[in-house]
């Protein structure tokens, strides 16, 4: 079981500003093992201190037909720290 969310960014959204925000939130860039059409980058967030996360958050950035979207996925066991980090990202 997992929890997912998708955010479609406005037309005037800047990819570079998105990457800066993701870095500020503490995500770590991951290497893309497989070619996925439209996938620009993937990230992972994990913080075991203070029980903020014990499963982490996967984050994927896609561009399709010029539209940038951000998908997040959390495996079963989502806790309040993960909800907070996802809410911050969704409020871009």
PDB file of N, CA and C in Angstrom:
ATOM      1  N   UNK A   1       0.841  -1.171   0.000  1.00  0.00           N
ATOM      2  CA  UNK A   1       0.000   0.000   0.000  1.00  0.00           C
ATOM      3  C   UNK A   1       0.890   1.240   0.000  1.00  0.00           C
ATOM      4  N   UNK A   2       0.440   2.256  -0.706  1.00  0.00           N
ATOM      5  CA  UNK A   2       1.197   3.503  -0.730  1.00  0.00           C
ATOM      6  C   UNK A   2       0.235   4.670  -0.892  1.00  0.00           C
ATOM      7  N   UNK A   3       0.740   5.854  -0.626  1.00  0.00           N
ATOM      8  CA  UNK A   3      -0.023   7.086  -0.785  1.00  0.00           C
ATOM      9  C   UNK A   3       0.662   7.905  -1.868  1.00  0.00           C
ATOM     10  N   UNK A   4      -0.110   8.388  -2.829  1.00  0.00           N
ATOM     11  CA  UNK A   4       0.469   9.154  -3.928  1.00  0.00           C
ATOM     12  C   UNK A   4      -0.234  10.494  -4.076  1.00  0.00           C
ATOM     13  N   UNK A   5       0.480  11.445  -4.660  1.00  0.00           N
ATOM     14  CA  UNK A   5      -0.112  12.746  -4.987  1.00  0.00           C
ATOM     15  C   UNK A   5       0.553  13.246  -6.258  1.00  0.00           C
ATOM     16  N   UNK A   6      -0.192  14.017  -7.030  1.00  0.00           N
ATOM     17  CA  UNK A   6       0.332  14.620  -8.253  1.00  0.00           C
ATOM     18  C   UNK A   6      -0.012  16.093  -8.246  1.00  0.00           C
ATOM     19  N   UNK A   7       0.972  16.922  -8.547  1.00  0.00           N
ATOM     20  CA  UNK A   7       0.764  18.367  -8.679  1.00  0.00           C
ATOM     21  C   UNK A   7       1.162  18.770 -10.086  1.00  0.00           C
ATOM     22  N   UNK A   8       0.265  19.453 -10.768  1.00  0.00           N
ATOM     23  CA  UNK A   8       0.566  19.993 -12.089  1.00  0.00           C
ATOM     24  C   UNK A   8       0.911  21.456 -11.896  1.00  0.00           C
ATOM     25  N   UNK A   9       2.116  21.820 -12.300  1.00  0.00           N
ATOM     26  CA  UNK A   9       2.587  23.187 -12.084  1.00  0.00           C
ATOM     27  C   UNK A   9       1.991  24.140 -13.112  1.00  0.00           C
ATOM     28  N   UNK A  10       1.807  25.401 -12.728  1.00  0.00           N
ATOM     29  CA  UNK A  10       1.286  26.393 -13.674  1.00  0.00           C
ATOM     30  C   UNK A  10       2.248  26.588 -14.843  1.00  0.00           C
ATOM     31  N   UNK A  11       1.728  27.109 -15.934  1.00  0.00           N
ATOM     32  CA  UNK A  11       2.531  27.304 -17.149  1.00  0.00           C
ATOM     33  C   UNK A  11       3.773  28.152 -16.909  1.00  0.00           C
ATOM     34  N   UNK A  12       3.683  29.111 -15.987  1.00  0.00           N
ATOM     35  CA  UNK A  12       4.820  30.006 -15.756  1.00  0.00           C
ATOM     36  C   UNK A  12       5.792  29.478 -14.697  1.00  0.00           C
ATOM     37  N   UNK A  13       5.606  28.238 -14.247  1.00  0.00           N
ATOM     38  CA  UNK A  13       6.489  27.661 -13.232  1.00  0.00           C
ATOM     39  C   UNK A  13       7.888  27.451 -13.796  1.00  0.00           C
ATOM     40  N   UNK A  14       8.875  27.696 -12.969  1.00  0.00           N
ATOM     41  CA  UNK A  14      10.277  27.556 -13.362  1.00  0.00           C
ATOM     42  C   UNK A  14      10.825  26.221 -12.856  1.00  0.00           C
ATOM     43  N   UNK A  15      11.374  25.440 -13.757  1.00  0.00           N
ATOM     44  CA  UNK A  15      11.982  24.161 -13.386  1.00  0.00           C
ATOM     45  C   UNK A  15      13.120  24.380 -12.389  1.00  0.00           C
ATOM     46  N   UNK A  16      13.948  25.392 -12.622  1.00  0.00           N
ATOM     47  CA  UNK A  16      15.077  25.663 -11.722  1.00  0.00           C
ATOM     48  C   UNK A  16      14.612  26.042 -10.322  1.00  0.00           C
ATOM     49  N   UNK A  17      13.545  26.830 -10.213  1.00  0.00           N
ATOM     50  CA  UNK A  17      13.012  27.186  -8.892  1.00  0.00           C
ATOM     51  C   UNK A  17      12.448  25.951  -8.197  1.00  0.00           C
ATOM     52  N   UNK A  18      11.819  25.078  -8.959  1.00  0.00           N
ATOM     53  CA  UNK A  18      11.302  23.833  -8.394  1.00  0.00           C
ATOM     54  C   UNK A  18      12.442  22.998  -7.818  1.00  0.00           C
ATOM     55  N   UNK A  19      13.519  22.857  -8.566  1.00  0.00           N
ATOM     56  CA  UNK A  19      14.679  22.089  -8.098  1.00  0.00           C
ATOM     57  C   UNK A  19      15.264  22.717  -6.837  1.00  0.00           C
ATOM     58  N   UNK A  20      15.356  24.040  -6.794  1.00  0.00           N
ATOM     59  CA  UNK A  20      15.861  24.726  -5.594  1.00  0.00           C
ATOM     60  C   UNK A  20      14.977  24.443  -4.391  1.00  0.00           C
ATOM     61  N   UNK A  21      13.658  24.478  -4.578  1.00  0.00           N
ATOM     62  CA  UNK A  21      12.728  24.196  -3.485  1.00  0.00           C
ATOM     63  C   UNK A  21      12.895  22.762  -2.992  1.00  0.00           C
ATOM     64  N   UNK A  22      12.983  21.833  -3.917  1.00  0.00           N
ATOM     65  CA  UNK A  22      13.150  20.426  -3.550  1.00  0.00           C
ATOM     66  C   UNK A  22      14.441  20.237  -2.750  1.00  0.00           C
ATOM     67  N   UNK A  23      15.505  20.897  -3.167  1.00  0.00           N
ATOM     68  CA  UNK A  23      16.769  20.834  -2.420  1.00  0.00           C
ATOM     69  C   UNK A  23      16.617  21.431  -1.022  1.00  0.00           C
ATOM     70  N   UNK A  24      15.934  22.573  -0.922  1.00  0.00           N
ATOM     71  CA  UNK A  24      15.727  23.216   0.383  1.00  0.00           C
ATOM     72  C   UNK A  24      14.920  22.333   1.331  1.00  0.00           C
ATOM     73  N   UNK A  25      14.002  21.543   0.790  1.00  0.00           N
ATOM     74  CA  UNK A  25      13.183  20.659   1.616  1.00  0.00           C
ATOM     75  C   UNK A  25      13.938  19.406   2.059  1.00  0.00           C
ATOM     76  N   UNK A  26      15.161  19.240   1.568  1.00  0.00           N
ATOM     77  CA  UNK A  26      15.991  18.138   2.034  1.00  0.00           C
ATOM     78  C   UNK A  26      15.926  16.865   1.207  1.00  0.00           C
ATOM     79  N   UNK A  27      15.358  16.929   0.023  1.00  0.00           N
ATOM     80  CA  UNK A  27      15.328  15.752  -0.847  1.00  0.00           C
ATOM     81  C   UNK A  27      16.723  15.493  -1.415  1.00  0.00           C
ATOM     82  N   UNK A  28      17.024  14.240  -1.702  1.00  0.00           N
ATOM     83  CA  UNK A  28      18.288  13.832  -2.302  1.00  0.00           C
ATOM     84  C   UNK A  28      18.019  13.338  -3.717  1.00  0.00           C
ATOM     85  N   UNK A  29      18.793  13.847  -4.670  1.00  0.00           N
ATOM     86  CA  UNK A  29      18.609  13.439  -6.065  1.00  0.00           C
ATOM     87  C   UNK A  29      19.005  11.978  -6.224  1.00  0.00           C
ATOM     88  N   UNK A  30      18.193  11.237  -6.965  1.00  0.00           N
ATOM     89  CA  UNK A  30      18.435   9.821  -7.212  1.00  0.00           C
ATOM     90  C   UNK A  30      18.786   9.593  -8.675  1.00  0.00           C
ATOM     91  N   UNK A  31      19.549   8.567  -8.921  1.00  0.00           N
ATOM     92  CA  UNK A  31      19.881   8.203 -10.293  1.00  0.00           C
ATOM     93  C   UNK A  31      18.703   7.438 -10.884  1.00  0.00           C
ATOM     94  N   UNK A  32      18.331   7.769 -12.106  1.00  0.00           N
ATOM     95  CA  UNK A  32      17.237   7.074 -12.777  1.00  0.00           C
ATOM     96  C   UNK A  32      17.770   5.790 -13.402  1.00  0.00           C
ATOM     97  N   UNK A  33      17.380   4.664 -12.841  1.00  0.00           N
ATOM     98  CA  UNK A  33      17.860   3.366 -13.316  1.00  0.00           C
ATOM     99  C   UNK A  33      17.253   2.994 -14.666  1.00  0.00           C
ATOM    100  N   UNK A  34      16.013   3.388 -14.888  1.00  0.00           N
ATOM    101  CA  UNK A  34      15.304   3.015 -16.103  1.00  0.00           C
ATOM    102  C   UNK A  34      14.864   4.263 -16.842  1.00  0.00           C
ATOM    103  N   UNK A  35      14.872   4.191 -18.152  1.00  0.00           N
ATOM    104  CA  UNK A  35      14.374   5.309 -18.954  1.00  0.00           C
ATOM    105  C   UNK A  35      12.858   5.313 -18.884  1.00  0.00           C
ATOM    106  N   UNK A  36      12.301   6.407 -18.422  1.00  0.00           N
ATOM    107  CA  UNK A  36      10.862   6.579 -18.376  1.00  0.00           C
ATOM    108  C   UNK A  36      10.535   7.824 -19.169  1.00  0.00           C
ATOM    109  N   UNK A  37       9.636   7.691 -20.113  1.00  0.00           N
ATOM    110  CA  UNK A  37       9.303   8.815 -20.981  1.00  0.00           C
ATOM    111  C   UNK A  37       8.803  10.008 -20.167  1.00  0.00           C
ATOM    112  N   UNK A  38       9.398  11.155 -20.399  1.00  0.00           N
ATOM    113  CA  UNK A  38       8.986  12.386 -19.743  1.00  0.00           C
ATOM    114  C   UNK A  38       9.600  12.626 -18.373  1.00  0.00           C
ATOM    115  N   UNK A  39      10.280  11.629 -17.812  1.00  0.00           N
ATOM    116  CA  UNK A  39      10.871  11.788 -16.476  1.00  0.00           C
ATOM    117  C   UNK A  39      12.103  12.680 -16.554  1.00  0.00           C
ATOM    118  N   UNK A  40      12.065  13.791 -15.816  1.00  0.00           N
ATOM    119  CA  UNK A  40      13.190  14.723 -15.788  1.00  0.00           C
ATOM    120  C   UNK A  40      14.158  14.413 -14.656  1.00  0.00           C
ATOM    121  N   UNK A  41      13.610  14.075 -13.482  1.00  0.00           N
ATOM    122  CA  UNK A  41      14.461  13.831 -12.312  1.00  0.00           C
ATOM    123  C   UNK A  41      13.671  13.072 -11.251  1.00  0.00           C
ATOM    124  N   UNK A  42      14.401  12.402 -10.379  1.00  0.00           N
ATOM    125  CA  UNK A  42      13.758  11.732  -9.250  1.00  0.00           C
ATOM    126  C   UNK A  42      14.549  12.032  -7.980  1.00  0.00           C
ATOM    127  N   UNK A  43      13.823  12.117  -6.869  1.00  0.00           N
ATOM    128  CA  UNK A  43      14.404  12.482  -5.576  1.00  0.00           C
ATOM    129  C   UNK A  43      13.833  11.585  -4.489  1.00  0.00           C
ATOM    130  N   UNK A  44      14.496  11.592  -3.340  1.00  0.00           N
ATOM    131  CA  UNK A  44      14.019  10.822  -2.196  1.00  0.00           C
ATOM    132  C   UNK A  44      14.252  11.637  -0.929  1.00  0.00           C
ATOM    133  N   UNK A  45      13.277  11.634  -0.028  1.00  0.00           N
ATOM    134  CA  UNK A  45      13.400  12.317   1.264  1.00  0.00           C
ATOM    135  C   UNK A  45      13.217  11.288   2.358  1.00  0.00           C
ATOM    136  N   UNK A  46      14.089  11.339   3.358  1.00  0.00           N
ATOM    137  CA  UNK A  46      14.030  10.411   4.473  1.00  0.00           C
ATOM    138  C   UNK A  46      14.645  11.080   5.686  1.00  0.00           C
ATOM    139  N   UNK A  47      13.969  10.980   6.808  1.00  0.00           N
ATOM    140  CA  UNK A  47      14.527  11.533   8.044  1.00  0.00           C
ATOM    141  C   UNK A  47      14.020  10.710   9.216  1.00  0.00           C
ATOM    142  N   UNK A  48      14.891   9.915   9.786  1.00  0.00           N
ATOM    143  CA  UNK A  48      14.490   9.045  10.882  1.00  0.00           C
ATOM    144  C   UNK A  48      14.531   9.731  12.241  1.00  0.00           C
ATOM    145  N   UNK A  49      15.186  10.880  12.331  1.00  0.00           N
ATOM    146  CA  UNK A  49      15.248  11.597  13.611  1.00  0.00           C
ATOM    147  C   UNK A  49      13.845  12.054  14.011  1.00  0.00           C
ATOM    148  N   UNK A  50      13.552  11.984  15.284  1.00  0.00           N
ATOM    149  CA  UNK A  50      12.263  12.418  15.838  1.00  0.00           C
ATOM    150  C   UNK A  50      11.084  11.710  15.177  1.00  0.00           C
ATOM    151  N   UNK A  51      11.316  10.544  14.614  1.00  0.00           N
ATOM    152  CA  UNK A  51      10.270   9.733  13.981  1.00  0.00           C
ATOM    153  C   UNK A  51       9.528  10.473  12.880  1.00  0.00           C
ATOM    154  N   UNK A  52      10.226  11.358  12.178  1.00  0.00           N
ATOM    155  CA  UNK A  52       9.582  12.109  11.099  1.00  0.00           C
ATOM    156  C   UNK A  52       9.295  11.210   9.908  1.00  0.00           C
ATOM    157  N   UNK A  53      10.101  10.180   9.727  1.00  0.00           N
ATOM    158  CA  UNK A  53       9.882   9.268   8.606  1.00  0.00           C
ATOM    159  C   UNK A  53      10.612   7.968   8.858  1.00  0.00           C
ATOM    160  N   UNK A  54       9.981   6.890   8.544  1.00  0.00           N
ATOM    161  CA  UNK A  54      10.699   5.627   8.543  1.00  0.00           C
ATOM    162  C   UNK A  54      10.500   4.885   7.228  1.00  0.00           C
ATOM    163  N   UNK A  55       9.788   5.492   6.284  1.00  0.00           N
ATOM    164  CA  UNK A  55       9.651   4.907   4.946  1.00  0.00           C
ATOM    165  C   UNK A  55      10.077   5.869   3.843  1.00  0.00           C
ATOM    166  N   UNK A  56      10.078   7.161   4.103  1.00  0.00           N
ATOM    167  CA  UNK A  56      10.531   8.145   3.126  1.00  0.00           C
ATOM    168  C   UNK A  56       9.481   8.543   2.103  1.00  0.00           C
ATOM    169  N   UNK A  57       9.871   9.487   1.248  1.00  0.00           N
ATOM    170  CA  UNK A  57       9.005  10.005   0.187  1.00  0.00           C
ATOM    171  C   UNK A  57       9.774   9.956  -1.125  1.00  0.00           C
ATOM    172  N   UNK A  58       9.191   9.322  -2.118  1.00  0.00           N
ATOM    173  CA  UNK A  58       9.752   9.338  -3.469  1.00  0.00           C
ATOM    174  C   UNK A  58       9.141  10.525  -4.197  1.00  0.00           C
ATOM    175  N   UNK A  59       9.925  11.222  -5.003  1.00  0.00           N
ATOM    176  CA  UNK A  59       9.436  12.380  -5.747  1.00  0.00           C
ATOM    177  C   UNK A  59       9.941  12.277  -7.181  1.00  0.00           C
ATOM    178  N   UNK A  60       9.028  12.442  -8.129  1.00  0.00           N
ATOM    179  CA  UNK A  60       9.367  12.350  -9.551  1.00  0.00           C
ATOM    180  C   UNK A  60       8.879  13.601 -10.263  1.00  0.00           C
ATOM    181  N   UNK A  61       9.729  14.159 -11.115  1.00  0.00           N
ATOM    182  CA  UNK A  61       9.364  15.335 -11.908  1.00  0.00           C
ATOM    183  C   UNK A  61       9.251  14.892 -13.364  1.00  0.00           C
ATOM    184  N   UNK A  62       8.106  15.213 -13.959  1.00  0.00           N
ATOM    185  CA  UNK A  62       7.848  14.851 -15.350  1.00  0.00           C
ATOM    186  C   UNK A  62       7.564  16.101 -16.169  1.00  0.00           C
ATOM    187  N   UNK A  63       7.860  16.012 -17.462  1.00  0.00           N
ATOM    188  CA  UNK A  63       7.427  17.046 -18.407  1.00  0.00           C
ATOM    189  C   UNK A  63       6.764  16.318 -19.568  1.00  0.00           C
ATOM    190  N   UNK A  64       5.487  16.649 -19.773  1.00  0.00           N
ATOM    191  CA  UNK A  64       4.738  16.040 -20.857  1.00  0.00           C
ATOM    192  C   UNK A  64       3.981  17.130 -21.590  1.00  0.00           C
ATOM    193  N   UNK A  65       4.213  17.244 -22.876  1.00  0.00           N
ATOM    194  CA  UNK A  65       3.594  18.290 -23.698  1.00  0.00           C
ATOM    195  C   UNK A  65       3.869  19.678 -23.129  1.00  0.00           C
ATOM    196  N   UNK A  66       5.062  19.879 -22.586  1.00  0.00           N
ATOM    197  CA  UNK A  66       5.455  21.172 -22.051  1.00  0.00           C
ATOM    198  C   UNK A  66       4.954  21.461 -20.646  1.00  0.00           C
ATOM    199  N   UNK A  67       4.177  20.552 -20.072  1.00  0.00           N
ATOM    200  CA  UNK A  67       3.616  20.747 -18.728  1.00  0.00           C
ATOM    201  C   UNK A  67       4.455  19.961 -17.719  1.00  0.00           C
ATOM    202  N   UNK A  68       4.879  20.647 -16.649  1.00  0.00           N
ATOM    203  CA  UNK A  68       5.671  19.999 -15.598  1.00  0.00           C
ATOM    204  C   UNK A  68       4.731  19.511 -14.501  1.00  0.00           C
ATOM    205  N   UNK A  69       4.929  18.266 -14.086  1.00  0.00           N
ATOM    206  CA  UNK A  69       4.159  17.726 -12.966  1.00  0.00           C
ATOM    207  C   UNK A  69       5.115  17.089 -11.964  1.00  0.00           C
ATOM    208  N   UNK A  70       4.673  17.058 -10.713  1.00  0.00           N
ATOM    209  CA  UNK A  70       5.457  16.475  -9.627  1.00  0.00           C
ATOM    210  C   UNK A  70       4.610  15.386  -8.984  1.00  0.00           C
ATOM    211  N   UNK A  71       5.134  14.172  -8.967  1.00  0.00           N
ATOM    212  CA  UNK A  71       4.464  13.051  -8.316  1.00  0.00           C
ATOM    213  C   UNK A  71       5.230  12.699  -7.051  1.00  0.00           C
ATOM    214  N   UNK A  72       4.504  12.460  -5.967  1.00  0.00           N
ATOM    215  CA  UNK A  72       5.137  11.960  -4.749  1.00  0.00           C
ATOM    216  C   UNK A  72       4.492  10.636  -4.394  1.00  0.00           C
ATOM    217  N   UNK A  73       5.278   9.778  -3.778  1.00  0.00           N
ATOM    218  CA  UNK A  73       4.784   8.469  -3.357  1.00  0.00           C
ATOM    219  C   UNK A  73       5.413   8.130  -2.016  1.00  0.00           C
ATOM    220  N   UNK A  74       4.571   7.689  -1.099  1.00  0.00           N
ATOM    221  CA  UNK A  74       5.021   7.248   0.213  1.00  0.00           C
ATOM    222  C   UNK A  74       4.519   5.834   0.424  1.00  0.00           C
ATOM    223  N   UNK A  75       5.415   4.949   0.785  1.00  0.00           N
ATOM    224  CA  UNK A  75       4.995   3.582   1.080  1.00  0.00           C
ATOM    225  C   UNK A  75       4.181   3.570   2.365  1.00  0.00           C
ATOM    226  N   UNK A  76       3.509   2.485   2.652  1.00  0.00           N
ATOM    227  CA  UNK A  76       2.688   2.361   3.855  1.00  0.00           C
ATOM    228  C   UNK A  76       3.487   2.794   5.073  1.00  0.00           C
ATOM    229  N   UNK A  77       2.835   3.487   5.980  1.00  0.00           N
ATOM    230  CA  UNK A  77       3.508   3.934   7.185  1.00  0.00           C
ATOM    231  C   UNK A  77       3.744   5.426   7.204  1.00  0.00           C
ATOM    232  N   UNK A  78       2.966   6.173   6.442  1.00  0.00           N
ATOM    233  CA  UNK A  78       3.130   7.627   6.390  1.00  0.00           C
ATOM    234  C   UNK A  78       2.892   8.221   7.782  1.00  0.00           C
ATOM    235  N   UNK A  79       3.763   9.130   8.184  1.00  0.00           N
ATOM    236  CA  UNK A  79       3.648   9.775   9.489  1.00  0.00           C
ATOM    237  C   UNK A  79       3.569  11.283   9.303  1.00  0.00           C
ATOM    238  N   UNK A  80       3.333  11.999  10.369  1.00  0.00           N
ATOM    239  CA  UNK A  80       3.074  13.437  10.298  1.00  0.00           C
ATOM    240  C   UNK A  80       4.215  14.216   9.645  1.00  0.00           C
ATOM    241  N   UNK A  81       5.453  13.828   9.856  1.00  0.00           N
ATOM    242  CA  UNK A  81       6.569  14.527   9.219  1.00  0.00           C
ATOM    243  C   UNK A  81       6.499  14.446   7.706  1.00  0.00           C
ATOM    244  N   UNK A  82       6.104  13.296   7.199  1.00  0.00           N
ATOM    245  CA  UNK A  82       5.966  13.125   5.756  1.00  0.00           C
ATOM    246  C   UNK A  82       4.813  13.967   5.242  1.00  0.00           C
ATOM    247  N   UNK A  83       3.708  13.958   5.950  1.00  0.00           N
ATOM    248  CA  UNK A  83       2.577  14.785   5.522  1.00  0.00           C
ATOM    249  C   UNK A  83       2.981  16.247   5.436  1.00  0.00           C
ATOM    250  N   UNK A  84       3.727  16.727   6.407  1.00  0.00           N
ATOM    251  CA  UNK A  84       4.165  18.127   6.397  1.00  0.00           C
ATOM    252  C   UNK A  84       5.057  18.432   5.204  1.00  0.00           C
ATOM    253  N   UNK A  85       5.992  17.548   4.882  1.00  0.00           N
ATOM    254  CA  UNK A  85       6.911  17.810   3.769  1.00  0.00           C
ATOM    255  C   UNK A  85       6.166  17.749   2.442  1.00  0.00           C
ATOM    256  N   UNK A  86       5.165  16.862   2.330  1.00  0.00           N
ATOM    257  CA  UNK A  86       4.383  16.784   1.095  1.00  0.00           C
ATOM    258  C   UNK A  86       3.491  18.014   0.944  1.00  0.00           C
ATOM    259  N   UNK A  87       2.912  18.482   2.039  1.00  0.00           N
ATOM    260  CA  UNK A  87       2.059  19.675   1.980  1.00  0.00           C
ATOM    261  C   UNK A  87       2.876  20.886   1.548  1.00  0.00           C
ATOM    262  N   UNK A  88       4.086  21.035   2.074  1.00  0.00           N
ATOM    263  CA  UNK A  88       4.945  22.155   1.663  1.00  0.00           C
ATOM    264  C   UNK A  88       5.213  22.099   0.168  1.00  0.00           C
ATOM    265  N   UNK A  89       5.460  20.919  -0.357  1.00  0.00           N
ATOM    266  CA  UNK A  89       5.744  20.776  -1.778  1.00  0.00           C
ATOM    267  C   UNK A  89       4.503  21.053  -2.616  1.00  0.00           C
ATOM    268  N   UNK A  90       3.346  20.600  -2.170  1.00  0.00           N
ATOM    269  CA  UNK A  90       2.110  20.799  -2.927  1.00  0.00           C
ATOM    270  C   UNK A  90       1.704  22.260  -2.979  1.00  0.00           C
ATOM    271  N   UNK A  91       2.195  23.069  -2.050  1.00  0.00           N
ATOM    272  CA  UNK A  91       1.849  24.491  -2.012  1.00  0.00           C
ATOM    273  C   UNK A  91       2.835  25.347  -2.790  1.00  0.00           C
ATOM    274  N   UNK A  92       3.409  24.801  -3.837  1.00  0.00           N
ATOM    275  CA  UNK A  92       4.379  25.542  -4.659  1.00  0.00           C
ATOM    276  C   UNK A  92       3.701  26.757  -5.251  1.00  0.00           C
TER     277      UNK A  92
END
